[in-house]
Amino acid sequence: MGIDKGILAALADHREKIKGPHFIFSADFPLHSPNNRIEMNHEQILEHLYHSGYDAHEIESHYGKTGRGIIVYQVDDVLAEQLHKLVAGMGQSHSIYNNGQASEMRFHHGAYANRAHYANDTDYWDEAPRDGYHSLPGNAYHFDHKFDYKNVQIAGQLDKWGKNVK
């Protein structure tokens, strides 16, 4: 009895895909529930995305406590805007879009609505740090976008934050 090669291949696939365009959000516990116009829970949203042909998977987020999230790979700018609207319609406070070069944490409601934090780098770990990271499916690889939390900018400027790809 050895390690399932299919599982190893799936884990390697996630390690590669996370370095490309992706979108992250949570469907659990919306902070702005009066704005929740979409009556679907985490499982329903994940299933809907998957059956609609999107490369969507459940991940874990570790920011003070462990929570469920959803990552969608192979996202372009048009799909990212649609997903931002979906997340806003669920009453969630924010979502993250990475275009393969930079990341935007966009706020949908509250005092920072239509504002964002930006990052042009990401940390990756094989061993999970103490806190402040996401875990890919299988919990074998972890990452965190290095957002500039000191600066709040206008949302929708991700193209200005990309770094040169080497």
N, C-alpha and C. Protein backbone atom coordinates (compact mmCIF):
# COMPACT_ATOMS: atom_id res chain seq x y z
N MET A 1 0.85 -1.18 0.00
CA MET A 1 0.00 0.00 0.00
C MET A 1 0.89 1.23 0.00
N GLY A 2 0.87 2.01 -1.08
CA GLY A 2 1.70 3.20 -1.20
C GLY A 2 0.85 4.46 -1.25
N ILE A 3 1.52 5.53 -1.56
CA ILE A 3 0.83 6.82 -1.68
C ILE A 3 0.09 6.84 -3.01
N ASP A 4 -1.14 7.27 -2.97
CA ASP A 4 -1.97 7.34 -4.16
C ASP A 4 -1.37 8.37 -5.13
N LYS A 5 -0.99 7.92 -6.32
CA LYS A 5 -0.37 8.80 -7.31
C LYS A 5 -1.33 9.88 -7.79
N GLY A 6 -2.63 9.57 -7.79
CA GLY A 6 -3.62 10.56 -8.17
C GLY A 6 -3.67 11.72 -7.20
N ILE A 7 -3.56 11.41 -5.90
CA ILE A 7 -3.57 12.46 -4.88
C ILE A 7 -2.32 13.32 -5.02
N LEU A 8 -1.17 12.69 -5.24
CA LEU A 8 0.08 13.44 -5.43
C LEU A 8 -0.01 14.36 -6.64
N ALA A 9 -0.60 13.86 -7.72
CA ALA A 9 -0.75 14.67 -8.92
C ALA A 9 -1.68 15.85 -8.67
N ALA A 10 -2.77 15.62 -7.92
CA ALA A 10 -3.70 16.70 -7.60
C ALA A 10 -3.03 17.77 -6.74
N LEU A 11 -2.24 17.35 -5.76
CA LEU A 11 -1.53 18.31 -4.91
C LEU A 11 -0.53 19.12 -5.73
N ALA A 12 0.19 18.47 -6.62
CA ALA A 12 1.14 19.17 -7.48
C ALA A 12 0.41 20.15 -8.40
N ASP A 13 -0.77 19.78 -8.87
CA ASP A 13 -1.57 20.64 -9.73
C ASP A 13 -1.95 21.93 -9.00
N HIS A 14 -2.36 21.81 -7.74
CA HIS A 14 -2.71 23.00 -6.94
C HIS A 14 -1.48 23.88 -6.74
N ARG A 15 -0.33 23.29 -6.49
CA ARG A 15 0.91 24.06 -6.28
C ARG A 15 1.25 24.90 -7.51
N GLU A 16 0.96 24.39 -8.69
CA GLU A 16 1.22 25.14 -9.91
C GLU A 16 0.15 26.19 -10.16
N LYS A 17 -1.11 25.80 -9.99
CA LYS A 17 -2.21 26.71 -10.30
C LYS A 17 -2.24 27.93 -9.40
N ILE A 18 -1.78 27.79 -8.13
CA ILE A 18 -1.83 28.93 -7.22
C ILE A 18 -0.92 30.07 -7.69
N LYS A 19 0.04 29.75 -8.52
CA LYS A 19 0.96 30.77 -9.02
C LYS A 19 0.39 31.52 -10.22
N GLY A 20 -0.77 31.08 -10.70
CA GLY A 20 -1.44 31.74 -11.80
C GLY A 20 -2.67 32.50 -11.30
N PRO A 21 -3.45 33.04 -12.21
CA PRO A 21 -4.64 33.80 -11.82
C PRO A 21 -5.62 32.96 -10.99
N HIS A 22 -6.12 33.57 -9.91
CA HIS A 22 -7.08 32.88 -9.04
C HIS A 22 -7.89 33.90 -8.24
N PHE A 23 -8.97 33.43 -7.68
CA PHE A 23 -9.91 34.27 -6.92
C PHE A 23 -10.24 33.53 -5.63
N ILE A 24 -10.24 34.23 -4.51
CA ILE A 24 -10.49 33.62 -3.20
C ILE A 24 -11.60 34.38 -2.49
N PHE A 25 -12.51 33.62 -1.87
CA PHE A 25 -13.57 34.23 -1.07
C PHE A 25 -14.14 33.20 -0.11
N SER A 26 -14.95 33.68 0.80
CA SER A 26 -15.66 32.80 1.72
C SER A 26 -17.16 32.97 1.49
N ALA A 27 -17.89 31.90 1.62
CA ALA A 27 -19.35 31.96 1.54
C ALA A 27 -19.97 31.80 2.94
N ASP A 28 -19.13 31.65 3.96
CA ASP A 28 -19.61 31.47 5.33
C ASP A 28 -19.65 32.81 6.07
N PHE A 29 -20.59 32.94 6.97
CA PHE A 29 -20.67 34.04 7.93
C PHE A 29 -20.47 35.43 7.33
N PRO A 30 -21.37 35.86 6.45
CA PRO A 30 -21.21 37.20 5.87
C PRO A 30 -21.28 38.28 6.96
N LEU A 31 -20.32 39.20 6.91
CA LEU A 31 -20.28 40.29 7.89
C LEU A 31 -21.36 41.34 7.64
N HIS A 32 -21.86 41.38 6.43
CA HIS A 32 -22.88 42.37 6.06
C HIS A 32 -24.14 41.63 5.59
N SER A 33 -24.68 40.80 6.48
CA SER A 33 -25.80 39.93 6.11
C SER A 33 -27.03 40.66 5.59
N PRO A 34 -27.31 41.93 5.98
CA PRO A 34 -28.45 42.60 5.35
C PRO A 34 -28.29 42.75 3.83
N ASN A 35 -27.05 42.69 3.34
CA ASN A 35 -26.79 42.80 1.91
C ASN A 35 -26.80 41.44 1.20
N ASN A 36 -27.11 40.36 1.93
CA ASN A 36 -27.11 39.02 1.36
C ASN A 36 -28.37 38.81 0.52
N ARG A 37 -28.20 38.86 -0.81
CA ARG A 37 -29.30 38.63 -1.74
C ARG A 37 -29.23 37.25 -2.37
N ILE A 38 -28.17 36.52 -2.05
CA ILE A 38 -27.96 35.20 -2.63
C ILE A 38 -28.13 34.17 -1.52
N GLU A 39 -29.18 33.42 -1.60
CA GLU A 39 -29.48 32.48 -0.52
C GLU A 39 -28.89 31.11 -0.81
N MET A 40 -27.55 31.07 -0.83
CA MET A 40 -26.83 29.82 -1.04
C MET A 40 -25.74 29.75 0.02
N ASN A 41 -25.53 28.55 0.56
CA ASN A 41 -24.48 28.38 1.55
C ASN A 41 -23.16 27.98 0.85
N HIS A 42 -22.14 27.74 1.65
CA HIS A 42 -20.81 27.40 1.13
C HIS A 42 -20.86 26.22 0.16
N GLU A 43 -21.47 25.13 0.59
CA GLU A 43 -21.53 23.94 -0.25
C GLU A 43 -22.26 24.19 -1.55
N GLN A 44 -23.37 24.95 -1.48
CA GLN A 44 -24.15 25.23 -2.68
C GLN A 44 -23.38 26.11 -3.66
N ILE A 45 -22.69 27.12 -3.15
CA ILE A 45 -21.89 28.00 -4.02
C ILE A 45 -20.77 27.20 -4.68
N LEU A 46 -20.07 26.41 -3.88
CA LEU A 46 -18.97 25.59 -4.41
C LEU A 46 -19.47 24.63 -5.48
N GLU A 47 -20.57 23.95 -5.21
CA GLU A 47 -21.15 23.01 -6.18
C GLU A 47 -21.61 23.74 -7.44
N HIS A 48 -22.24 24.90 -7.26
CA HIS A 48 -22.71 25.68 -8.41
C HIS A 48 -21.52 26.07 -9.31
N LEU A 49 -20.44 26.56 -8.72
CA LEU A 49 -19.27 26.96 -9.50
C LEU A 49 -18.66 25.75 -10.22
N TYR A 50 -18.52 24.66 -9.49
CA TYR A 50 -17.92 23.44 -10.05
C TYR A 50 -18.76 22.92 -11.23
N HIS A 51 -20.07 22.83 -11.04
CA HIS A 51 -20.94 22.31 -12.09
C HIS A 51 -21.14 23.30 -13.24
N SER A 52 -20.77 24.55 -13.02
CA SER A 52 -20.82 25.55 -14.09
C SER A 52 -19.53 25.55 -14.90
N GLY A 53 -18.61 24.65 -14.56
CA GLY A 53 -17.39 24.50 -15.34
C GLY A 53 -16.18 25.25 -14.81
N TYR A 54 -16.30 25.85 -13.63
CA TYR A 54 -15.17 26.57 -13.06
C TYR A 54 -14.28 25.63 -12.26
N ASP A 55 -13.00 25.92 -12.24
CA ASP A 55 -12.02 25.13 -11.50
C ASP A 55 -12.03 25.63 -10.05
N ALA A 56 -13.08 25.28 -9.31
CA ALA A 56 -13.33 25.77 -7.95
C ALA A 56 -13.10 24.66 -6.93
N HIS A 57 -12.47 25.05 -5.80
CA HIS A 57 -12.12 24.08 -4.76
C HIS A 57 -12.26 24.73 -3.39
N GLU A 58 -12.47 23.90 -2.39
CA GLU A 58 -12.50 24.39 -1.01
C GLU A 58 -11.08 24.50 -0.48
N ILE A 59 -10.80 25.59 0.23
CA ILE A 59 -9.52 25.77 0.91
C ILE A 59 -9.80 26.15 2.36
N GLU A 60 -8.75 26.18 3.16
CA GLU A 60 -8.85 26.66 4.53
C GLU A 60 -8.11 27.98 4.65
N SER A 61 -8.68 28.90 5.41
CA SER A 61 -8.02 30.16 5.70
C SER A 61 -7.76 30.22 7.18
N HIS A 62 -6.59 30.70 7.54
CA HIS A 62 -6.15 30.74 8.94
C HIS A 62 -5.76 32.18 9.28
N TYR A 63 -6.71 32.92 9.77
CA TYR A 63 -6.49 34.32 10.16
C TYR A 63 -7.18 34.50 11.51
N GLY A 64 -6.46 34.15 12.57
CA GLY A 64 -7.04 34.19 13.91
C GLY A 64 -7.79 32.93 14.26
N LYS A 65 -8.54 32.40 13.32
CA LYS A 65 -9.24 31.13 13.46
C LYS A 65 -9.32 30.49 12.08
N THR A 66 -9.59 29.20 12.05
CA THR A 66 -9.67 28.49 10.79
C THR A 66 -11.07 28.60 10.21
N GLY A 67 -11.14 28.94 8.93
CA GLY A 67 -12.41 29.06 8.24
C GLY A 67 -12.33 28.45 6.86
N ARG A 68 -13.48 28.16 6.31
CA ARG A 68 -13.55 27.61 4.95
C ARG A 68 -13.55 28.74 3.93
N GLY A 69 -12.91 28.47 2.83
CA GLY A 69 -12.92 29.41 1.73
C GLY A 69 -13.08 28.66 0.43
N ILE A 70 -13.18 29.42 -0.64
CA ILE A 70 -13.29 28.85 -1.98
C ILE A 70 -12.24 29.53 -2.84
N ILE A 71 -11.51 28.74 -3.60
CA ILE A 71 -10.57 29.28 -4.57
C ILE A 71 -11.04 28.85 -5.96
N VAL A 72 -10.98 29.78 -6.90
CA VAL A 72 -11.31 29.51 -8.29
C VAL A 72 -10.05 29.83 -9.09
N TYR A 73 -9.55 28.84 -9.82
CA TYR A 73 -8.35 29.01 -10.64
C TYR A 73 -8.72 29.44 -12.06
N GLN A 74 -7.71 29.92 -12.78
CA GLN A 74 -7.84 30.29 -14.19
C GLN A 74 -8.89 31.38 -14.39
N VAL A 75 -8.77 32.42 -13.58
CA VAL A 75 -9.71 33.54 -13.60
C VAL A 75 -9.10 34.68 -14.42
N ASP A 76 -9.91 35.26 -15.30
CA ASP A 76 -9.47 36.46 -16.02
C ASP A 76 -10.19 37.67 -15.41
N ASP A 77 -9.89 38.85 -15.92
CA ASP A 77 -10.44 40.08 -15.35
C ASP A 77 -11.97 40.13 -15.41
N VAL A 78 -12.54 39.62 -16.49
CA VAL A 78 -14.01 39.64 -16.63
C VAL A 78 -14.66 38.71 -15.60
N LEU A 79 -14.15 37.50 -15.48
CA LEU A 79 -14.69 36.57 -14.49
C LEU A 79 -14.47 37.10 -13.08
N ALA A 80 -13.33 37.74 -12.83
CA ALA A 80 -13.07 38.30 -11.50
C ALA A 80 -14.13 39.32 -11.13
N GLU A 81 -14.52 40.17 -12.06
CA GLU A 81 -15.56 41.17 -11.76
C GLU A 81 -16.90 40.49 -11.46
N GLN A 82 -17.21 39.43 -12.19
CA GLN A 82 -18.44 38.68 -11.92
C GLN A 82 -18.39 38.04 -10.53
N LEU A 83 -17.23 37.50 -10.17
CA LEU A 83 -17.09 36.89 -8.84
C LEU A 83 -17.13 37.94 -7.73
N HIS A 84 -16.55 39.12 -7.97
CA HIS A 84 -16.66 40.20 -6.98
C HIS A 84 -18.13 40.54 -6.72
N LYS A 85 -18.92 40.59 -7.79
CA LYS A 85 -20.36 40.89 -7.65
C LYS A 85 -21.08 39.78 -6.90
N LEU A 86 -20.72 38.52 -7.17
CA LEU A 86 -21.30 37.39 -6.45
C LEU A 86 -21.01 37.50 -4.96
N VAL A 87 -19.76 37.76 -4.62
CA VAL A 87 -19.35 37.86 -3.22
C VAL A 87 -20.05 39.04 -2.53
N ALA A 88 -20.13 40.17 -3.21
CA ALA A 88 -20.85 41.32 -2.66
C ALA A 88 -22.31 40.97 -2.44
N GLY A 89 -22.90 40.22 -3.37
CA GLY A 89 -24.30 39.82 -3.26
C GLY A 89 -24.56 38.85 -2.13
N MET A 90 -23.51 38.21 -1.63
CA MET A 90 -23.64 37.31 -0.48
C MET A 90 -23.48 38.07 0.84
N GLY A 91 -23.16 39.36 0.76
CA GLY A 91 -22.98 40.16 1.97
C GLY A 91 -21.60 40.04 2.58
N GLN A 92 -20.65 39.48 1.83
CA GLN A 92 -19.30 39.34 2.35
C GLN A 92 -18.57 40.69 2.29
N SER A 93 -17.63 40.86 3.21
CA SER A 93 -16.92 42.13 3.28
C SER A 93 -15.89 42.29 2.17
N HIS A 94 -15.21 41.19 1.78
CA HIS A 94 -14.15 41.32 0.79
C HIS A 94 -13.91 40.02 0.03
N SER A 95 -13.13 40.14 -1.02
CA SER A 95 -12.66 38.99 -1.80
C SER A 95 -11.29 39.33 -2.35
N ILE A 96 -10.58 38.31 -2.82
CA ILE A 96 -9.21 38.49 -3.31
C ILE A 96 -9.13 37.99 -4.75
N TYR A 97 -8.54 38.82 -5.60
CA TYR A 97 -8.27 38.42 -6.98
C TYR A 97 -6.78 38.58 -7.24
N ASN A 98 -6.16 37.52 -7.76
CA ASN A 98 -4.77 37.56 -8.18
C ASN A 98 -4.75 37.31 -9.67
N ASN A 99 -4.13 38.22 -10.42
CA ASN A 99 -4.10 38.08 -11.88
C ASN A 99 -2.86 37.35 -12.39
N GLY A 100 -2.12 36.73 -11.48
CA GLY A 100 -0.90 36.01 -11.85
C GLY A 100 0.35 36.84 -11.60
N GLN A 101 0.17 38.15 -11.35
CA GLN A 101 1.29 39.04 -11.08
C GLN A 101 1.10 39.83 -9.79
N ALA A 102 -0.12 40.20 -9.49
CA ALA A 102 -0.41 41.01 -8.30
C ALA A 102 -1.78 40.59 -7.75
N SER A 103 -2.05 41.02 -6.52
CA SER A 103 -3.30 40.65 -5.85
C SER A 103 -4.03 41.90 -5.36
N GLU A 104 -5.35 41.81 -5.39
CA GLU A 104 -6.21 42.87 -4.87
C GLU A 104 -7.17 42.26 -3.85
N MET A 105 -7.19 42.81 -2.65
CA MET A 105 -8.21 42.47 -1.66
C MET A 105 -9.24 43.59 -1.72
N ARG A 106 -10.36 43.30 -2.38
CA ARG A 106 -11.38 44.33 -2.60
C ARG A 106 -12.47 44.24 -1.54
N PHE A 107 -12.81 45.40 -0.98
CA PHE A 107 -13.88 45.49 0.02
C PHE A 107 -15.19 45.83 -0.67
N HIS A 108 -16.26 45.13 -0.29
CA HIS A 108 -17.55 45.28 -0.95
C HIS A 108 -18.56 46.09 -0.15
N HIS A 109 -18.42 46.11 1.15
CA HIS A 109 -19.39 46.79 2.01
C HIS A 109 -18.66 47.48 3.15
N GLY A 110 -19.37 48.32 3.88
CA GLY A 110 -18.80 48.95 5.05
C GLY A 110 -17.99 50.19 4.72
N ALA A 111 -17.21 50.63 5.69
CA ALA A 111 -16.45 51.88 5.57
C ALA A 111 -15.43 51.84 4.42
N TYR A 112 -14.93 50.67 4.06
CA TYR A 112 -13.94 50.56 2.98
C TYR A 112 -14.52 50.10 1.66
N ALA A 113 -15.84 50.14 1.50
CA ALA A 113 -16.47 49.70 0.25
C ALA A 113 -15.83 50.39 -0.95
N ASN A 114 -15.58 49.61 -1.99
CA ASN A 114 -14.96 50.07 -3.24
C ASN A 114 -13.52 50.54 -3.05
N ARG A 115 -12.89 50.08 -1.98
CA ARG A 115 -11.47 50.35 -1.73
C ARG A 115 -10.76 48.99 -1.71
N ALA A 116 -9.43 49.01 -1.68
CA ALA A 116 -8.70 47.74 -1.74
C ALA A 116 -7.30 47.88 -1.13
N HIS A 117 -6.78 46.74 -0.72
CA HIS A 117 -5.37 46.58 -0.40
C HIS A 117 -4.76 45.84 -1.59
N TYR A 118 -3.50 46.14 -1.89
CA TYR A 118 -2.82 45.49 -3.01
C TYR A 118 -1.55 44.78 -2.55
N ALA A 119 -1.15 43.77 -3.31
CA ALA A 119 0.09 43.03 -3.06
C ALA A 119 0.72 42.69 -4.39
N ASN A 120 2.04 42.73 -4.45
CA ASN A 120 2.71 42.29 -5.67
C ASN A 120 3.67 41.15 -5.38
N ASP A 121 3.44 40.46 -4.26
CA ASP A 121 4.25 39.31 -3.91
C ASP A 121 3.42 38.34 -3.07
N THR A 122 3.84 37.09 -3.05
CA THR A 122 3.15 36.03 -2.29
C THR A 122 4.20 35.15 -1.63
N ASP A 123 3.94 34.77 -0.39
CA ASP A 123 4.78 33.80 0.31
C ASP A 123 4.16 32.42 0.17
N TYR A 124 5.00 31.39 0.01
CA TYR A 124 4.56 30.00 -0.10
C TYR A 124 5.32 29.17 0.93
N TRP A 125 4.64 28.21 1.55
CA TRP A 125 5.26 27.35 2.56
C TRP A 125 4.80 25.90 2.38
N ASP A 126 5.73 24.96 2.61
CA ASP A 126 5.37 23.55 2.71
C ASP A 126 4.84 23.25 4.10
N GLU A 127 5.42 23.88 5.12
CA GLU A 127 4.96 23.74 6.50
C GLU A 127 4.14 24.97 6.86
N ALA A 128 2.99 24.77 7.47
CA ALA A 128 2.09 25.88 7.80
C ALA A 128 2.72 26.80 8.85
N PRO A 129 2.66 28.11 8.64
CA PRO A 129 3.09 29.04 9.68
C PRO A 129 2.06 29.07 10.82
N ARG A 130 2.30 29.87 11.82
CA ARG A 130 1.39 29.93 12.97
C ARG A 130 0.01 30.46 12.59
N ASP A 131 -0.03 31.52 11.82
CA ASP A 131 -1.31 32.16 11.49
C ASP A 131 -1.09 33.06 10.27
N GLY A 132 -2.19 33.50 9.67
CA GLY A 132 -2.12 34.43 8.57
C GLY A 132 -1.78 33.79 7.23
N TYR A 133 -2.55 32.76 6.83
CA TYR A 133 -2.27 32.06 5.58
C TYR A 133 -3.50 31.28 5.13
N HIS A 134 -3.43 30.83 3.88
CA HIS A 134 -4.42 29.93 3.29
C HIS A 134 -3.75 28.58 3.08
N SER A 135 -4.52 27.50 3.18
CA SER A 135 -4.04 26.15 2.89
C SER A 135 -4.78 25.61 1.68
N LEU A 136 -4.03 25.13 0.71
CA LEU A 136 -4.63 24.53 -0.47
C LEU A 136 -5.23 23.17 -0.14
N PRO A 137 -6.09 22.65 -0.99
CA PRO A 137 -6.66 21.33 -0.74
C PRO A 137 -5.57 20.31 -0.43
N GLY A 138 -5.81 19.49 0.57
CA GLY A 138 -4.84 18.51 1.02
C GLY A 138 -3.94 19.02 2.13
N ASN A 139 -4.01 20.33 2.43
CA ASN A 139 -3.21 20.97 3.48
C ASN A 139 -1.71 20.69 3.36
N ALA A 140 -1.22 20.48 2.14
CA ALA A 140 0.20 20.19 1.95
C ALA A 140 0.98 21.41 1.46
N TYR A 141 0.29 22.50 1.16
CA TYR A 141 0.94 23.70 0.65
C TYR A 141 0.15 24.90 1.13
N HIS A 142 0.86 25.95 1.52
CA HIS A 142 0.23 27.10 2.16
C HIS A 142 0.78 28.38 1.52
N PHE A 143 -0.02 29.43 1.57
CA PHE A 143 0.41 30.68 0.95
C PHE A 143 -0.29 31.86 1.61
N ASP A 144 0.28 33.04 1.37
CA ASP A 144 -0.34 34.29 1.80
C ASP A 144 0.14 35.40 0.89
N HIS A 145 -0.78 36.16 0.36
CA HIS A 145 -0.44 37.33 -0.45
C HIS A 145 0.04 38.42 0.51
N LYS A 146 1.10 39.08 0.15
CA LYS A 146 1.73 40.08 1.03
C LYS A 146 1.09 41.46 0.82
N PHE A 147 -0.14 41.61 1.32
CA PHE A 147 -0.87 42.86 1.14
C PHE A 147 -0.25 44.00 1.94
N ASP A 148 -0.36 45.19 1.37
CA ASP A 148 0.06 46.40 2.06
C ASP A 148 -1.14 46.89 2.86
N TYR A 149 -1.26 46.41 4.10
CA TYR A 149 -2.42 46.73 4.92
C TYR A 149 -2.40 48.16 5.43
N LYS A 150 -1.28 48.85 5.30
CA LYS A 150 -1.20 50.24 5.77
C LYS A 150 -1.84 51.20 4.79
N ASN A 151 -1.98 50.77 3.53
CA ASN A 151 -2.52 51.65 2.50
C ASN A 151 -3.81 51.09 1.93
N VAL A 152 -4.81 51.95 1.87
CA VAL A 152 -6.10 51.61 1.27
C VAL A 152 -6.22 52.45 0.01
N GLN A 153 -6.41 51.78 -1.11
CA GLN A 153 -6.47 52.43 -2.42
C GLN A 153 -7.86 52.26 -3.02
N ILE A 154 -8.09 52.92 -4.13
CA ILE A 154 -9.33 52.74 -4.90
C ILE A 154 -9.30 51.33 -5.50
N ALA A 155 -10.41 50.62 -5.43
CA ALA A 155 -10.51 49.27 -6.01
C ALA A 155 -10.46 49.35 -7.54
N GLY A 156 -10.04 48.25 -8.14
CA GLY A 156 -10.03 48.15 -9.60
C GLY A 156 -8.75 48.63 -10.27
N GLN A 157 -7.66 48.74 -9.51
CA GLN A 157 -6.40 49.22 -10.07
C GLN A 157 -5.32 48.13 -10.10
N LEU A 158 -5.72 46.89 -10.18
CA LEU A 158 -4.78 45.78 -10.09
C LEU A 158 -3.69 45.84 -11.15
N ASP A 159 -4.03 46.30 -12.35
CA ASP A 159 -3.04 46.36 -13.42
C ASP A 159 -1.86 47.27 -13.08
N LYS A 160 -2.05 48.23 -12.20
CA LYS A 160 -0.97 49.14 -11.81
C LYS A 160 -0.01 48.52 -10.79
N TRP A 161 -0.39 47.38 -10.21
CA TRP A 161 0.40 46.78 -9.13
C TRP A 161 1.19 45.57 -9.56
N GLY A 162 1.08 45.13 -10.79
CA GLY A 162 1.79 43.95 -11.24
C GLY A 162 3.30 44.16 -11.24
N LYS A 163 4.02 43.12 -10.96
CA LYS A 163 5.49 43.19 -11.00
C LYS A 163 5.99 42.59 -12.29
N ASN A 164 7.21 42.86 -12.62
CA ASN A 164 7.80 42.27 -13.81
C ASN A 164 8.00 40.79 -13.59
N VAL A 165 7.56 39.98 -14.52
CA VAL A 165 7.72 38.54 -14.43
C VAL A 165 9.09 38.19 -14.98
N LYS A 166 9.84 37.39 -14.21
CA LYS A 166 11.21 37.03 -14.63
C LYS A 166 11.22 35.65 -15.23
